[in-house]
Every structure is written in structure tokens, then in C-alpha cells.
Amino acid sequence: MLTESQVQRSFRGLFTNGNITEDALTKGEELLDELRPESPLRHRLSDELEELRKIAVAES
């Protein structure tokens, strides 16, 4: 299991180039699964992932 710091760093690394791909979104979901369900970071990154997904859909 990864630490919250490792998850956050990896999550940011997936989307730093501004290219939102289905693969990156899937990997982001997998990273969220590494966090405890009650983790505030999990909730925040989950919201960010949903926003990124909306952006990806709007761009396609």
C-alpha cells in the first residue's frame, strides 16, 4: 500500500503534461484505491479526477 504522499505525487505526475488520456484516468482511479475510504485526500483527488474526466469528454 502506498502512502498518501506517494499517491498524491503519482497522481499529479499522471496529468502534469495536460494530456488527459483514458489510460491516465484509469491509473488515477487505481491510485485512489490505494487510499483509505475515509481519507480526505481520496475525496479531493476523486473530485479532481471527475473534473478531469469532464474536461476529457468536452475536448473529444
C-alpha atoms as a PDB file:
ATOM      1  CA  MET A   1       0.000   0.000   0.000  1.00  0.00           C
ATOM      2  CA  LEU A   2       1.285   3.451  -0.942  1.00  0.00           C
ATOM      3  CA  THR A   3       1.440   6.409   1.414  1.00  0.00           C
ATOM      4  CA  GLU A   4      -0.777   9.440   0.810  1.00  0.00           C
ATOM      5  CA  SER A   5       2.294  11.400  -0.258  1.00  0.00           C
ATOM      6  CA  GLN A   6       3.236   8.767  -2.830  1.00  0.00           C
ATOM      7  CA  VAL A   7      -0.312   8.624  -4.181  1.00  0.00           C
ATOM      8  CA  GLN A   8      -0.524  12.400  -4.473  1.00  0.00           C
ATOM      9  CA  ARG A   9       2.856  12.632  -6.235  1.00  0.00           C
ATOM     10  CA  SER A  10       1.949   9.852  -8.671  1.00  0.00           C
ATOM     11  CA  PHE A  11      -1.499  11.327  -9.309  1.00  0.00           C
ATOM     12  CA  ARG A  12      -0.006  14.740 -10.128  1.00  0.00           C
ATOM     13  CA  GLY A  13       2.531  13.087 -12.408  1.00  0.00           C
ATOM     14  CA  LEU A  14      -0.226  11.499 -14.484  1.00  0.00           C
ATOM     15  CA  PHE A  15      -1.698  14.851 -15.505  1.00  0.00           C
ATOM     16  CA  THR A  16       1.218  17.314 -15.470  1.00  0.00           C
ATOM     17  CA  ASN A  17       1.548  17.391 -19.240  1.00  0.00           C
ATOM     18  CA  GLY A  18      -2.086  18.451 -19.670  1.00  0.00           C
ATOM     19  CA  ASN A  19      -2.809  15.386 -21.772  1.00  0.00           C
ATOM     20  CA  ILE A  20      -5.828  13.642 -20.243  1.00  0.00           C
ATOM     21  CA  THR A  21      -5.979  10.119 -21.628  1.00  0.00           C
ATOM     22  CA  GLU A  22      -8.220   7.204 -20.725  1.00  0.00           C
ATOM     23  CA  ASP A  23      -5.119   5.360 -19.539  1.00  0.00           C
ATOM     24  CA  ALA A  24      -4.176   8.211 -17.190  1.00  0.00           C
ATOM     25  CA  LEU A  25      -7.729   8.364 -15.825  1.00  0.00           C
ATOM     26  CA  THR A  26      -7.697   4.620 -15.181  1.00  0.00           C
ATOM     27  CA  LYS A  27      -4.325   4.832 -13.429  1.00  0.00           C
ATOM     28  CA  GLY A  28      -5.694   7.719 -11.348  1.00  0.00           C
ATOM     29  CA  GLU A  29      -8.593   5.537 -10.219  1.00  0.00           C
ATOM     30  CA  GLU A  30      -6.160   2.766  -9.305  1.00  0.00           C
ATOM     31  CA  LEU A  31      -4.172   5.210  -7.199  1.00  0.00           C
ATOM     32  CA  LEU A  32      -7.329   6.268  -5.373  1.00  0.00           C
ATOM     33  CA  ASP A  33      -7.911   2.631  -4.472  1.00  0.00           C
ATOM     34  CA  GLU A  34      -4.637   2.735  -2.529  1.00  0.00           C
ATOM     35  CA  LEU A  35      -6.107   5.251  -0.083  1.00  0.00           C
ATOM     36  CA  ARG A  36      -8.372   4.600   2.885  1.00  0.00           C
ATOM     37  CA  PRO A  37     -12.059   5.220   2.064  1.00  0.00           C
ATOM     38  CA  GLU A  38     -12.279   7.965   4.716  1.00  0.00           C
ATOM     39  CA  SER A  39      -9.116   9.747   3.570  1.00  0.00           C
ATOM     40  CA  PRO A  40      -9.629  13.462   2.832  1.00  0.00           C
ATOM     41  CA  LEU A  41      -7.007  13.142   0.092  1.00  0.00           C
ATOM     42  CA  ARG A  42      -9.050  10.369  -1.525  1.00  0.00           C
ATOM     43  CA  HIS A  43     -12.117  12.600  -1.600  1.00  0.00           C
ATOM     44  CA  ARG A  44     -10.184  15.565  -3.006  1.00  0.00           C
ATOM     45  CA  LEU A  45      -8.434  13.555  -5.713  1.00  0.00           C
ATOM     46  CA  SER A  46     -11.682  11.810  -6.573  1.00  0.00           C
ATOM     47  CA  ASP A  47     -13.285  15.206  -7.202  1.00  0.00           C
ATOM     48  CA  GLU A  48     -10.292  16.259  -9.308  1.00  0.00           C
ATOM     49  CA  LEU A  49     -10.472  13.037 -11.301  1.00  0.00           C
ATOM     50  CA  GLU A  50     -14.147  13.662 -12.034  1.00  0.00           C
ATOM     51  CA  GLU A  51     -13.334  17.188 -13.247  1.00  0.00           C
ATOM     52  CA  LEU A  52     -10.541  15.869 -15.457  1.00  0.00           C
ATOM     53  CA  ARG A  53     -12.917  13.292 -16.891  1.00  0.00           C
ATOM     54  CA  LYS A  54     -15.421  16.059 -17.750  1.00  0.00           C
ATOM     55  CA  ILE A  55     -12.655  18.044 -19.466  1.00  0.00           C
ATOM     56  CA  ALA A  56     -11.595  14.989 -21.475  1.00  0.00           C
ATOM     57  CA  VAL A  57     -15.170  14.387 -22.628  1.00  0.00           C
ATOM     58  CA  ALA A  58     -15.627  18.045 -23.578  1.00  0.00           C
ATOM     59  CA  GLU A  59     -12.421  18.005 -25.637  1.00  0.00           C
ATOM     60  CA  SER A  60     -13.323  14.892 -27.608  1.00  0.00           C
END
